[in-house]
Amino acid sequence: MKKKISAFLMAASMTALSAPAHAQADPAALKGMYDMSRNVAGLTSYCVGKGFLKEDSVRNARKMVGLIAAIPGVDTSGGDASEAIGLRGKVQMADGKEEGIESSKLGAKQWCKEAAQGVSNGLKSAAAG
């Protein structure tokens, strides 16, 4: 699950900076990217609340949300619900199911650290792109 999120966030950041790519992007895919970024923002806040991450991780997650929200045509409706799921420590899966990070194979602390690294890597890729 962690590798999927890290890869997703890196891809999302590249899409956000690639005008021709997002001009042709599927609206449903853009919606999924936005919802996932909001879910990760909520999860990051959850991780900070547990003491696993520092507040700068939340700022980074918010930057990622901003990159994706800036893509022309992205549907941002429902983002609050996606973030609320993250605030409860749950990953919102593409099929609508929720998985708690507390019960992940990595454990919540490691999951948080690796997800924050994925966001950081995505932002670095976006800045370099």
Protein backbone atom coordinates (compact mmCIF):
# COMPACT_ATOMS: atom_id res chain seq x y z
CA MET A 1 0.00 0.00 0.00
CA LYS A 2 2.81 2.43 0.86
CA LYS A 3 4.57 1.97 -2.48
CA LYS A 4 1.31 2.58 -4.30
CA ILE A 5 0.82 5.89 -2.49
CA SER A 6 4.40 7.00 -3.01
CA ALA A 7 4.29 6.18 -6.73
CA PHE A 8 0.88 7.82 -7.04
CA LEU A 9 2.01 11.05 -5.43
CA MET A 10 5.10 11.26 -7.61
CA ALA A 11 2.99 10.65 -10.73
CA ALA A 12 0.44 13.20 -9.56
CA SER A 13 3.07 15.87 -9.07
CA MET A 14 4.47 15.25 -12.54
CA THR A 15 0.99 15.41 -14.06
CA ALA A 16 0.33 18.67 -12.26
CA LEU A 17 3.31 20.28 -13.98
CA SER A 18 2.82 18.75 -17.40
CA ALA A 19 0.24 20.84 -19.27
CA PRO A 20 -0.12 18.59 -22.34
CA ALA A 21 -0.50 15.51 -20.15
CA HIS A 22 -3.21 16.92 -17.92
CA ALA A 23 -4.99 18.59 -20.84
CA GLN A 24 -5.72 15.08 -22.10
CA ALA A 25 -6.14 13.45 -18.71
CA ASP A 26 -9.25 11.49 -17.91
CA PRO A 27 -11.53 13.51 -15.60
CA ALA A 28 -12.08 10.43 -13.42
CA ALA A 29 -8.31 9.96 -13.06
CA LEU A 30 -7.90 13.60 -12.10
CA LYS A 31 -10.69 13.25 -9.54
CA GLY A 32 -8.98 10.17 -8.09
CA MET A 33 -5.68 12.03 -7.83
CA TYR A 34 -7.32 14.92 -6.03
CA ASP A 35 -9.25 12.70 -3.63
CA MET A 36 -6.09 10.69 -2.85
CA SER A 37 -4.12 13.87 -2.18
CA ARG A 38 -6.81 15.09 0.24
CA ASN A 39 -6.87 11.66 1.92
CA VAL A 40 -3.09 11.80 2.33
CA ALA A 41 -3.36 15.32 3.78
CA GLY A 42 -5.75 13.96 6.38
CA LEU A 43 -3.53 10.97 7.07
CA THR A 44 -0.54 13.27 7.49
CA SER A 45 -2.43 15.28 10.10
CA TYR A 46 -3.35 12.00 11.81
CA CYS A 47 0.33 11.02 11.84
CA VAL A 48 1.36 14.39 13.31
CA GLY A 49 -1.28 13.95 16.01
CA LYS A 50 0.20 10.56 16.89
CA GLY A 51 3.68 12.10 17.15
CA PHE A 52 5.05 10.16 14.17
CA LEU A 53 5.65 13.21 11.95
CA LYS A 54 6.37 16.90 12.34
CA GLU A 55 4.08 19.72 11.25
CA ASP A 56 6.14 20.42 8.11
CA SER A 57 4.79 17.15 6.73
CA VAL A 58 1.28 18.64 6.77
CA ARG A 59 2.53 21.69 4.87
CA ASN A 60 4.06 19.40 2.25
CA ALA A 61 0.85 17.41 1.92
CA ARG A 62 -1.08 20.67 1.46
CA LYS A 63 1.37 21.74 -1.27
CA MET A 64 0.67 18.47 -3.09
CA VAL A 65 -3.08 19.09 -2.80
CA GLY A 66 -2.52 22.55 -4.25
CA LEU A 67 -0.57 21.21 -7.22
CA ILE A 68 -3.29 18.77 -8.08
CA ALA A 69 -6.14 21.22 -7.44
CA ALA A 70 -4.48 23.64 -9.88
CA ILE A 71 -4.87 21.24 -12.79
CA PRO A 72 -7.52 22.71 -15.09
CA GLY A 73 -10.76 20.78 -14.94
CA VAL A 74 -10.02 18.77 -11.79
CA ASP A 75 -13.16 18.05 -9.76
CA THR A 76 -12.48 19.07 -6.17
CA SER A 77 -15.93 18.18 -4.84
CA GLY A 78 -15.87 15.60 -2.09
CA GLY A 79 -12.35 16.48 -1.01
CA ASP A 80 -13.44 17.24 2.54
CA ALA A 81 -14.87 13.72 2.89
CA SER A 82 -11.65 12.16 1.57
CA GLU A 83 -9.59 14.18 4.02
CA ALA A 84 -11.91 13.26 6.91
CA ILE A 85 -11.28 9.58 6.19
CA GLY A 86 -7.54 10.27 6.47
CA LEU A 87 -8.02 12.13 9.74
CA ARG A 88 -9.41 8.86 11.12
CA GLY A 89 -6.18 7.07 10.13
CA LYS A 90 -7.67 5.34 7.11
CA VAL A 91 -6.56 5.12 3.52
CA GLN A 92 -9.36 5.56 1.02
CA MET A 93 -8.90 2.92 -1.66
CA ALA A 94 -9.93 3.40 -5.30
CA ASP A 95 -12.81 0.96 -4.83
CA GLY A 96 -14.19 3.06 -1.97
CA LYS A 97 -13.05 0.73 0.80
CA GLU A 98 -11.01 2.03 3.71
CA GLU A 99 -7.90 0.47 5.23
CA GLY A 100 -6.52 1.59 8.58
CA ILE A 101 -2.82 2.33 8.79
CA GLU A 102 -2.74 1.12 12.39
CA SER A 103 -3.24 -2.44 11.13
CA SER A 104 -0.94 -2.17 8.09
CA LYS A 105 1.99 -4.55 7.73
CA LEU A 106 4.36 -1.63 8.23
CA GLY A 107 2.68 -0.37 11.35
CA ALA A 108 1.40 3.18 11.62
CA LYS A 109 4.69 4.86 12.50
CA GLN A 110 6.60 3.42 9.54
CA TRP A 111 3.62 3.92 7.23
CA CYS A 112 3.54 7.61 8.18
CA LYS A 113 7.26 8.07 7.62
CA GLU A 114 7.19 6.40 4.23
CA ALA A 115 4.09 8.28 3.07
CA ALA A 116 5.66 11.60 4.12
CA GLN A 117 8.79 10.65 2.18
CA GLY A 118 6.61 9.87 -0.85
CA VAL A 119 5.01 13.32 -0.65
CA SER A 120 8.44 14.94 -0.27
CA ASN A 121 9.80 13.00 -3.25
CA GLY A 122 6.77 13.97 -5.31
CA LEU A 123 7.25 17.65 -4.52
CA LYS A 124 10.95 17.44 -5.42
CA SER A 125 10.06 15.78 -8.74
CA ALA A 126 7.47 18.47 -9.43
CA ALA A 127 9.98 21.23 -8.69
CA ALA A 128 12.61 19.61 -10.92
CA GLY A 129 10.12 18.94 -13.75
